[in-house]
Protein backbone atom coordinates (compact mmCIF):
# COMPACT_ATOMS: atom_id res chain seq x y z
CA UNK A 1 0.00 0.00 0.00
CA UNK A 2 1.42 3.39 -0.97
CA UNK A 3 0.76 6.56 0.96
CA UNK A 4 1.31 10.11 -0.29
CA UNK A 5 3.23 12.33 2.11
CA UNK A 6 3.87 16.04 1.74
CA UNK A 7 7.02 17.62 3.15
CA UNK A 8 7.29 21.40 3.33
CA UNK A 9 10.58 23.15 4.03
CA UNK A 10 12.09 26.60 3.77
CA UNK A 11 15.34 26.74 1.80
CA UNK A 12 18.46 28.72 2.79
CA UNK A 13 20.91 30.50 0.51
CA UNK A 14 24.70 30.09 0.65
CA UNK A 15 25.10 32.74 3.34
CA UNK A 16 22.56 31.00 5.61
CA UNK A 17 19.72 33.51 5.11
CA UNK A 18 16.20 32.14 4.91
CA UNK A 19 14.53 32.52 1.53
CA UNK A 20 10.89 33.63 1.27
CA UNK A 21 9.82 30.66 -0.85
CA UNK A 22 8.35 27.55 0.77
CA UNK A 23 9.03 24.35 -1.12
CA UNK A 24 6.73 21.36 -0.99
CA UNK A 25 7.75 17.83 -1.93
CA UNK A 26 5.21 15.12 -2.71
CA UNK A 27 6.44 11.61 -1.86
CA UNK A 28 4.89 8.24 -2.56
CA UNK A 29 5.96 6.09 0.38
CA UNK A 30 5.16 2.41 0.63
CA UNK A 31 3.69 1.41 3.99
CA UNK A 32 5.68 -1.45 5.47
CA UNK A 33 3.42 -2.05 8.46
CA UNK A 34 1.83 -5.19 6.99
CA UNK A 35 5.11 -6.95 6.25
CA UNK A 36 5.47 -8.37 9.75
CA UNK A 37 1.93 -9.78 9.51
CA UNK A 38 2.88 -11.62 6.32
CA UNK A 39 5.96 -12.96 8.10
CA UNK A 40 3.93 -14.08 11.14
CA UNK A 41 1.35 -15.76 8.91
CA UNK A 42 4.09 -17.63 7.04
CA UNK A 43 5.59 -18.74 10.37
CA UNK A 44 2.16 -19.86 11.60
CA UNK A 45 1.54 -21.87 8.45
CA UNK A 46 4.97 -23.53 8.36
CA UNK A 47 4.85 -24.42 12.07
CA UNK A 48 1.40 -25.98 11.66
CA UNK A 49 2.80 -28.21 8.88
CA UNK A 50 5.30 -29.85 11.26
CA UNK A 51 4.45 -33.37 12.31
CA UNK A 52 6.15 -33.16 15.72
CA UNK A 53 6.29 -36.92 16.43
CA UNK A 54 10.06 -37.40 16.66
CA UNK A 55 11.20 -39.05 19.90
CA UNK A 56 14.20 -40.68 21.58
CA UNK A 57 14.52 -42.64 24.81
CA UNK A 58 16.20 -41.10 27.85
CA UNK A 59 18.14 -43.16 30.41
CA UNK A 60 14.97 -43.77 32.43
CA UNK A 61 13.01 -45.01 29.40
CA UNK A 62 15.65 -47.46 28.09
CA UNK A 63 14.93 -51.08 29.00
CA UNK A 64 17.17 -52.62 31.68
CA UNK A 65 19.91 -51.11 33.80
CA UNK A 66 18.43 -51.69 37.24
CA UNK A 67 21.53 -53.13 38.94
CA UNK A 68 24.93 -51.49 39.52
CA UNK A 69 27.44 -52.94 37.04
CA UNK A 70 30.19 -53.17 39.73
CA UNK A 71 30.66 -52.01 43.27
CA UNK A 72 31.34 -48.36 44.03
CA UNK A 73 34.83 -48.73 45.56
CA UNK A 74 37.72 -51.13 45.30
CA UNK A 75 37.69 -52.13 41.64
CA UNK A 76 39.91 -49.36 40.28
CA UNK A 77 37.36 -48.55 37.62
CA UNK A 78 35.27 -45.39 37.40
CA UNK A 79 32.10 -45.44 39.45
CA UNK A 80 28.97 -46.45 37.55
CA UNK A 81 25.37 -46.65 38.69
CA UNK A 82 23.68 -48.06 35.60
CA UNK A 83 24.68 -49.60 32.31
CA UNK A 84 21.98 -47.49 30.59
CA UNK A 85 23.83 -44.24 31.28
CA UNK A 86 24.11 -42.00 28.19
CA UNK A 87 27.89 -42.50 28.28
CA UNK A 88 27.51 -46.24 27.71
CA UNK A 89 26.73 -48.12 24.50
CA UNK A 90 23.04 -48.94 24.52
CA UNK A 91 22.31 -46.13 26.95
CA UNK A 92 19.80 -43.32 26.72
CA UNK A 93 20.12 -40.12 24.73
CA UNK A 94 21.00 -36.82 26.43
CA UNK A 95 18.61 -33.98 25.48
CA UNK A 96 17.21 -35.86 22.50
CA UNK A 97 14.14 -34.69 20.60
CA UNK A 98 10.76 -35.19 22.24
CA UNK A 99 7.26 -34.87 20.75
CA UNK A 100 5.89 -31.34 20.84
CA UNK A 101 3.15 -29.42 19.12
CA UNK A 102 4.17 -26.01 17.84
CA UNK A 103 1.17 -23.73 17.57
CA UNK A 104 1.48 -20.04 16.72
CA UNK A 105 -1.67 -17.99 17.34
CA UNK A 106 -2.55 -15.22 14.91
CA UNK A 107 -5.54 -12.98 15.50
CA UNK A 108 -8.40 -13.14 13.01
CA UNK A 109 -8.06 -9.53 11.86
CA UNK A 110 -4.28 -9.85 11.55
CA UNK A 111 -4.73 -12.92 9.40
CA UNK A 112 -7.22 -11.10 7.17
CA UNK A 113 -4.74 -8.22 6.79
CA UNK A 114 -1.96 -10.62 5.87
Foldseek 3Di string as FASTA:
>chain_A
DWDKDKDKDFDADPVRDTDPDIDIDIDTHDDPPLVVLVVLVVVQVVLQPDPQADDWFAQVRQPDFPQFPDDQDDPPDHGGRTCQHCVHVSHGDPPDRHGDRDHDDDDPVSNVSD
